[in-house]
Amino acid sequence: MTDIETQVMARKYQSILIQVQGMTFSWNVAEHLVGGKKRLERLMAEEKVRFDKPFGASNTKWQFNAADILSNIKPNLRRVK
């Protein structure tokens, strides 16, 4: 991969993170993207991802900041070509 291709990919990545800043992911989506339940819980404990669970009903949905989740994705090298 050339230096220019790397720079283009980095700019696209930064653009994606900026565009999803106000979006949220559910617990299941966040867990799948970061690589599992234990990794997600560790990221929460280390405060590397912002999250919220609204008060009220006991069955309210967890909301994770999409930009934080995307910046902590565990790479799957089997899918990368």
C-alpha atoms as a PDB file:
ATOM      1  CA  MET A   1       0.000   0.000   0.000  1.00  0.00           C
ATOM      2  CA  THR A   2       1.406   3.360  -0.996  1.00  0.00           C
ATOM      3  CA  ASP A   3       1.743   6.358   1.271  1.00  0.00           C
ATOM      4  CA  ILE A   4      -1.007   8.213  -0.595  1.00  0.00           C
ATOM      5  CA  GLU A   5      -3.429   5.295  -0.215  1.00  0.00           C
ATOM      6  CA  THR A   6      -2.693   5.202   3.509  1.00  0.00           C
ATOM      7  CA  GLN A   7      -3.384   8.928   3.814  1.00  0.00           C
ATOM      8  CA  VAL A   8      -6.674   8.579   1.926  1.00  0.00           C
ATOM      9  CA  MET A   9      -7.764   5.730   4.175  1.00  0.00           C
ATOM     10  CA  ALA A  10      -6.857   7.747   7.282  1.00  0.00           C
ATOM     11  CA  ARG A  11      -8.898  10.728   6.062  1.00  0.00           C
ATOM     12  CA  LYS A  12     -11.891   8.508   5.300  1.00  0.00           C
ATOM     13  CA  TYR A  13     -11.621   6.947   8.773  1.00  0.00           C
ATOM     14  CA  GLN A  14     -11.518  10.375  10.425  1.00  0.00           C
ATOM     15  CA  SER A  15     -14.487  11.495   8.321  1.00  0.00           C
ATOM     16  CA  ILE A  16     -16.514   8.462   9.399  1.00  0.00           C
ATOM     17  CA  LEU A  17     -15.732   9.119  13.076  1.00  0.00           C
ATOM     18  CA  ILE A  18     -16.852  12.740  12.738  1.00  0.00           C
ATOM     19  CA  GLN A  19     -20.075  11.818  10.928  1.00  0.00           C
ATOM     20  CA  VAL A  20     -21.171   9.206  13.493  1.00  0.00           C
ATOM     21  CA  GLN A  21     -20.394  11.397  16.503  1.00  0.00           C
ATOM     22  CA  GLY A  22     -24.053  11.890  17.435  1.00  0.00           C
ATOM     23  CA  MET A  23     -25.117   8.323  16.702  1.00  0.00           C
ATOM     24  CA  THR A  24     -25.458   5.446  19.155  1.00  0.00           C
ATOM     25  CA  PHE A  25     -25.216   1.656  18.972  1.00  0.00           C
ATOM     26  CA  SER A  26     -27.124  -0.881  21.045  1.00  0.00           C
ATOM     27  CA  TRP A  27     -25.396  -3.316  23.396  1.00  0.00           C
ATOM     28  CA  ASN A  28     -25.547  -6.167  20.857  1.00  0.00           C
ATOM     29  CA  VAL A  29     -24.095  -4.134  17.994  1.00  0.00           C
ATOM     30  CA  ALA A  30     -21.354  -2.660  20.195  1.00  0.00           C
ATOM     31  CA  GLU A  31     -20.478  -6.096  21.582  1.00  0.00           C
ATOM     32  CA  HIS A  32     -20.221  -7.551  18.082  1.00  0.00           C
ATOM     33  CA  LEU A  33     -18.053  -4.716  16.733  1.00  0.00           C
ATOM     34  CA  VAL A  34     -15.521  -4.582  19.575  1.00  0.00           C
ATOM     35  CA  GLY A  35     -15.070  -8.336  19.699  1.00  0.00           C
ATOM     36  CA  GLY A  36     -17.128  -9.652  22.585  1.00  0.00           C
ATOM     37  CA  LYS A  37     -18.820  -9.034  25.890  1.00  0.00           C
ATOM     38  CA  LYS A  38     -15.667  -9.066  28.046  1.00  0.00           C
ATOM     39  CA  ARG A  39     -13.857  -6.629  25.771  1.00  0.00           C
ATOM     40  CA  LEU A  40     -16.861  -4.268  25.779  1.00  0.00           C
ATOM     41  CA  GLU A  41     -17.083  -4.426  29.579  1.00  0.00           C
ATOM     42  CA  ARG A  42     -13.321  -3.747  29.843  1.00  0.00           C
ATOM     43  CA  LEU A  43     -13.639  -0.725  27.539  1.00  0.00           C
ATOM     44  CA  MET A  44     -16.516   0.529  29.705  1.00  0.00           C
ATOM     45  CA  ALA A  45     -14.485   0.069  32.913  1.00  0.00           C
ATOM     46  CA  GLU A  46     -11.481   1.860  31.384  1.00  0.00           C
ATOM     47  CA  GLU A  47     -13.826   4.656  30.201  1.00  0.00           C
ATOM     48  CA  LYS A  48     -12.691   4.254  26.598  1.00  0.00           C
ATOM     49  CA  VAL A  49     -16.304   4.238  25.370  1.00  0.00           C
ATOM     50  CA  ARG A  50     -19.091   6.588  26.382  1.00  0.00           C
ATOM     51  CA  PHE A  51     -22.380   4.919  27.179  1.00  0.00           C
ATOM     52  CA  ASP A  52     -25.758   5.614  28.699  1.00  0.00           C
ATOM     53  CA  LYS A  53     -28.593   3.522  30.063  1.00  0.00           C
ATOM     54  CA  PRO A  54     -31.627   5.769  30.491  1.00  0.00           C
ATOM     55  CA  PHE A  55     -33.422   5.543  33.808  1.00  0.00           C
ATOM     56  CA  GLY A  56     -37.068   4.642  34.123  1.00  0.00           C
ATOM     57  CA  ALA A  57     -38.069   1.194  32.982  1.00  0.00           C
ATOM     58  CA  SER A  58     -35.771  -1.710  33.784  1.00  0.00           C
ATOM     59  CA  ASN A  59     -35.789  -2.845  30.168  1.00  0.00           C
ATOM     60  CA  THR A  60     -34.382   0.362  28.662  1.00  0.00           C
ATOM     61  CA  LYS A  61     -31.733  -0.056  25.991  1.00  0.00           C
ATOM     62  CA  TRP A  62     -28.019   0.632  26.461  1.00  0.00           C
ATOM     63  CA  GLN A  63     -26.698   3.362  24.154  1.00  0.00           C
ATOM     64  CA  PHE A  64     -23.007   3.449  23.198  1.00  0.00           C
ATOM     65  CA  ASN A  65     -21.363   6.351  21.375  1.00  0.00           C
ATOM     66  CA  ALA A  66     -20.819   5.114  17.801  1.00  0.00           C
ATOM     67  CA  ALA A  67     -17.524   6.992  17.305  1.00  0.00           C
ATOM     68  CA  ASP A  68     -16.046   5.438  20.456  1.00  0.00           C
ATOM     69  CA  ILE A  69     -17.117   1.949  19.403  1.00  0.00           C
ATOM     70  CA  LEU A  70     -15.758   2.365  15.869  1.00  0.00           C
ATOM     71  CA  SER A  71     -12.424   3.612  17.191  1.00  0.00           C
ATOM     72  CA  ASN A  72     -12.132   0.492  19.367  1.00  0.00           C
ATOM     73  CA  ILE A  73     -13.111  -2.126  16.785  1.00  0.00           C
ATOM     74  CA  LYS A  74     -11.150  -5.332  17.033  1.00  0.00           C
ATOM     75  CA  PRO A  75      -9.747  -6.027  13.550  1.00  0.00           C
ATOM     76  CA  ASN A  76     -10.810  -9.270  11.906  1.00  0.00           C
ATOM     77  CA  LEU A  77      -7.845 -10.195   9.732  1.00  0.00           C
ATOM     78  CA  ARG A  78      -9.705 -13.063   8.077  1.00  0.00           C
ATOM     79  CA  ARG A  79     -12.083 -10.621   6.354  1.00  0.00           C
ATOM     80  CA  VAL A  80      -9.488  -8.068   5.256  1.00  0.00           C
ATOM     81  CA  LYS A  81      -8.357  -8.437   1.647  1.00  0.00           C
END
